[in-house]
Amino acid sequence: MNKTLNNTLPGMARAEYLEVESNVRLHLTDAGEGKPIVLIHGWPLSDEMYEYQYNELINKNFRVIGITLRGFGKSDKPYKDYNYDVHASDIKKVLDKLKIEDAVLVGFSRGGAIAIRLYQLTTVLMFLSWL
């Protein structure tokens, strides 16, 4: 039996908001179990752009986390900076709150650039903590 992304099935998927800083909450969808895959959307979309990928990935035993960047979709839209560093930092905070240390990052368009920036950010942080 295939698993499906359906908010009416308990334990299968959940949509929620996580606060990344005071008065800034990001919308995310968290579905499935297994190795985590983080989906980062492009401009001007939201994590809903991955609606077809969720089911495929959870049926292949992955945990799929779609994060809607600040300023887009159902996430908060504060009057502040919107740049690669801010978005990468937000995603890092979400992953820290979810206690995810090893994930596959998938980004479309701007989301790909944010994934690269997140990788750079975490690599520098790991290097600094090693010193």
Protein backbone atom coordinates (compact mmCIF):
# COMPACT_ATOMS: atom_id res chain seq x y z
CA MET A 1 0.00 0.00 0.00
CA ASN A 2 1.39 3.37 -0.96
CA LYS A 3 1.67 6.12 1.61
CA THR A 4 0.16 9.46 0.69
CA LEU A 5 0.65 12.99 1.84
CA ASN A 6 -2.69 13.69 3.44
CA ASN A 7 -3.20 15.88 6.47
CA THR A 8 -6.13 13.71 7.52
CA LEU A 9 -3.92 10.69 8.15
CA PRO A 10 -2.32 11.04 11.58
CA GLY A 11 1.41 10.52 11.68
CA MET A 12 1.82 10.66 7.90
CA ALA A 13 2.42 14.36 7.39
CA ARG A 14 2.08 17.57 9.24
CA ALA A 15 2.07 21.18 8.27
CA GLU A 16 3.31 23.51 10.95
CA TYR A 17 5.02 26.77 11.67
CA LEU A 18 8.41 27.17 13.33
CA GLU A 19 9.67 30.47 14.70
CA VAL A 20 13.14 31.36 13.42
CA GLU A 21 13.33 34.74 15.16
CA SER A 22 10.98 36.98 17.08
CA ASN A 23 7.77 37.45 15.06
CA VAL A 24 9.03 35.42 12.09
CA ARG A 25 7.48 32.00 11.55
CA LEU A 26 8.16 29.75 8.58
CA HIS A 27 5.59 27.34 7.21
CA LEU A 28 6.82 23.81 6.64
CA THR A 29 5.52 20.43 5.62
CA ASP A 30 7.13 17.41 7.27
CA ALA A 31 6.22 13.97 5.91
CA GLY A 32 7.49 10.41 5.98
CA GLU A 33 10.27 8.64 7.81
CA GLY A 34 13.86 7.86 6.89
CA LYS A 35 16.77 9.91 5.58
CA PRO A 36 15.64 13.55 5.49
CA ILE A 37 15.36 15.47 2.23
CA VAL A 38 14.89 19.23 2.54
CA LEU A 39 13.05 20.91 -0.33
CA ILE A 40 13.74 24.61 -0.90
CA HIS A 41 11.48 26.37 -3.39
CA GLY A 42 12.33 28.99 -5.98
CA TRP A 43 11.08 32.53 -6.42
CA PRO A 44 8.12 33.36 -6.14
CA LEU A 45 6.76 29.96 -5.08
CA SER A 46 6.32 28.06 -1.78
CA ASP A 47 6.90 24.50 -0.59
CA GLU A 48 3.61 23.63 -2.29
CA MET A 49 5.51 23.58 -5.61
CA TYR A 50 6.76 20.13 -4.55
CA GLU A 51 3.28 18.63 -4.11
CA TYR A 52 4.01 15.73 -6.49
CA GLN A 53 7.47 15.02 -5.13
CA TYR A 54 6.22 14.56 -1.54
CA ASN A 55 4.32 11.37 -2.32
CA GLU A 56 7.08 9.88 -4.47
CA LEU A 57 9.74 10.50 -1.84
CA ILE A 58 7.76 9.28 1.19
CA ASN A 59 6.88 6.13 -0.77
CA LYS A 60 10.62 5.57 -1.21
CA ASN A 61 11.06 5.79 2.59
CA PHE A 62 12.42 9.30 2.91
CA ARG A 63 11.46 11.98 5.38
CA VAL A 64 10.60 15.05 3.30
CA ILE A 65 10.68 18.55 4.74
CA GLY A 66 9.44 21.38 2.57
CA ILE A 67 10.24 24.81 3.97
CA THR A 68 8.54 27.97 2.72
CA LEU A 69 10.99 30.85 2.88
CA ARG A 70 10.12 34.04 4.74
CA GLY A 71 8.21 36.42 2.55
CA PHE A 72 6.58 33.65 0.51
CA GLY A 73 3.43 31.52 0.70
CA LYS A 74 2.12 30.89 4.21
CA SER A 75 5.33 32.03 5.95
CA ASP A 76 5.52 35.39 7.68
CA LYS A 77 6.45 38.43 5.64
CA PRO A 78 8.39 40.76 7.95
CA TYR A 79 9.69 44.13 6.84
CA LYS A 80 13.36 43.13 6.89
CA ASP A 81 16.13 41.86 4.63
CA TYR A 82 15.39 39.07 2.18
CA ASN A 83 18.65 37.66 0.90
CA TYR A 84 20.52 34.38 0.55
CA ASP A 85 22.20 34.66 3.94
CA VAL A 86 18.93 35.34 5.76
CA HIS A 87 17.15 32.45 4.03
CA ALA A 88 20.06 30.05 4.62
CA SER A 89 20.18 31.06 8.28
CA ASP A 90 16.43 30.50 8.59
CA ILE A 91 16.71 27.00 7.15
CA LYS A 92 19.62 26.21 9.48
CA LYS A 93 17.46 27.26 12.45
CA VAL A 94 14.60 25.04 11.27
CA LEU A 95 16.91 22.05 10.86
CA ASP A 96 18.41 22.68 14.30
CA LYS A 97 14.94 22.84 15.89
CA LEU A 98 13.98 19.59 14.14
CA LYS A 99 17.31 18.05 15.27
CA ILE A 100 18.34 17.19 11.71
CA GLU A 101 22.09 16.91 11.25
CA ASP A 102 22.46 15.04 7.96
CA ALA A 103 20.03 15.87 5.17
CA VAL A 104 19.93 16.02 1.41
CA LEU A 105 19.26 19.60 0.24
CA VAL A 106 17.17 20.06 -2.89
CA GLY A 107 16.67 23.53 -4.30
CA PHE A 108 14.89 24.84 -7.36
CA SER A 109 16.14 28.08 -8.94
CA ARG A 110 16.73 30.54 -6.06
CA GLY A 111 16.30 27.58 -3.71
CA GLY A 112 19.39 25.99 -5.25
CA ALA A 113 21.46 29.06 -4.52
CA ILE A 114 20.12 29.10 -0.95
CA ALA A 115 21.07 25.42 -0.56
CA ILE A 116 24.63 26.27 -1.63
CA ARG A 117 24.74 29.19 0.81
CA LEU A 118 23.46 26.92 3.60
CA TYR A 119 26.17 24.40 2.79
CA GLN A 120 28.79 27.15 2.94
CA LEU A 121 27.38 28.41 6.24
CA THR A 122 27.36 24.98 7.89
CA THR A 123 30.83 24.11 6.56
CA VAL A 124 32.27 27.30 8.08
CA LEU A 125 30.46 26.62 11.37
CA MET A 126 31.80 23.05 11.48
CA PHE A 127 35.33 24.30 10.74
CA LEU A 128 35.12 26.96 13.45
CA SER A 129 33.85 24.48 16.01
CA TRP A 130 36.72 22.15 15.11
CA LEU A 131 39.27 24.88 15.91
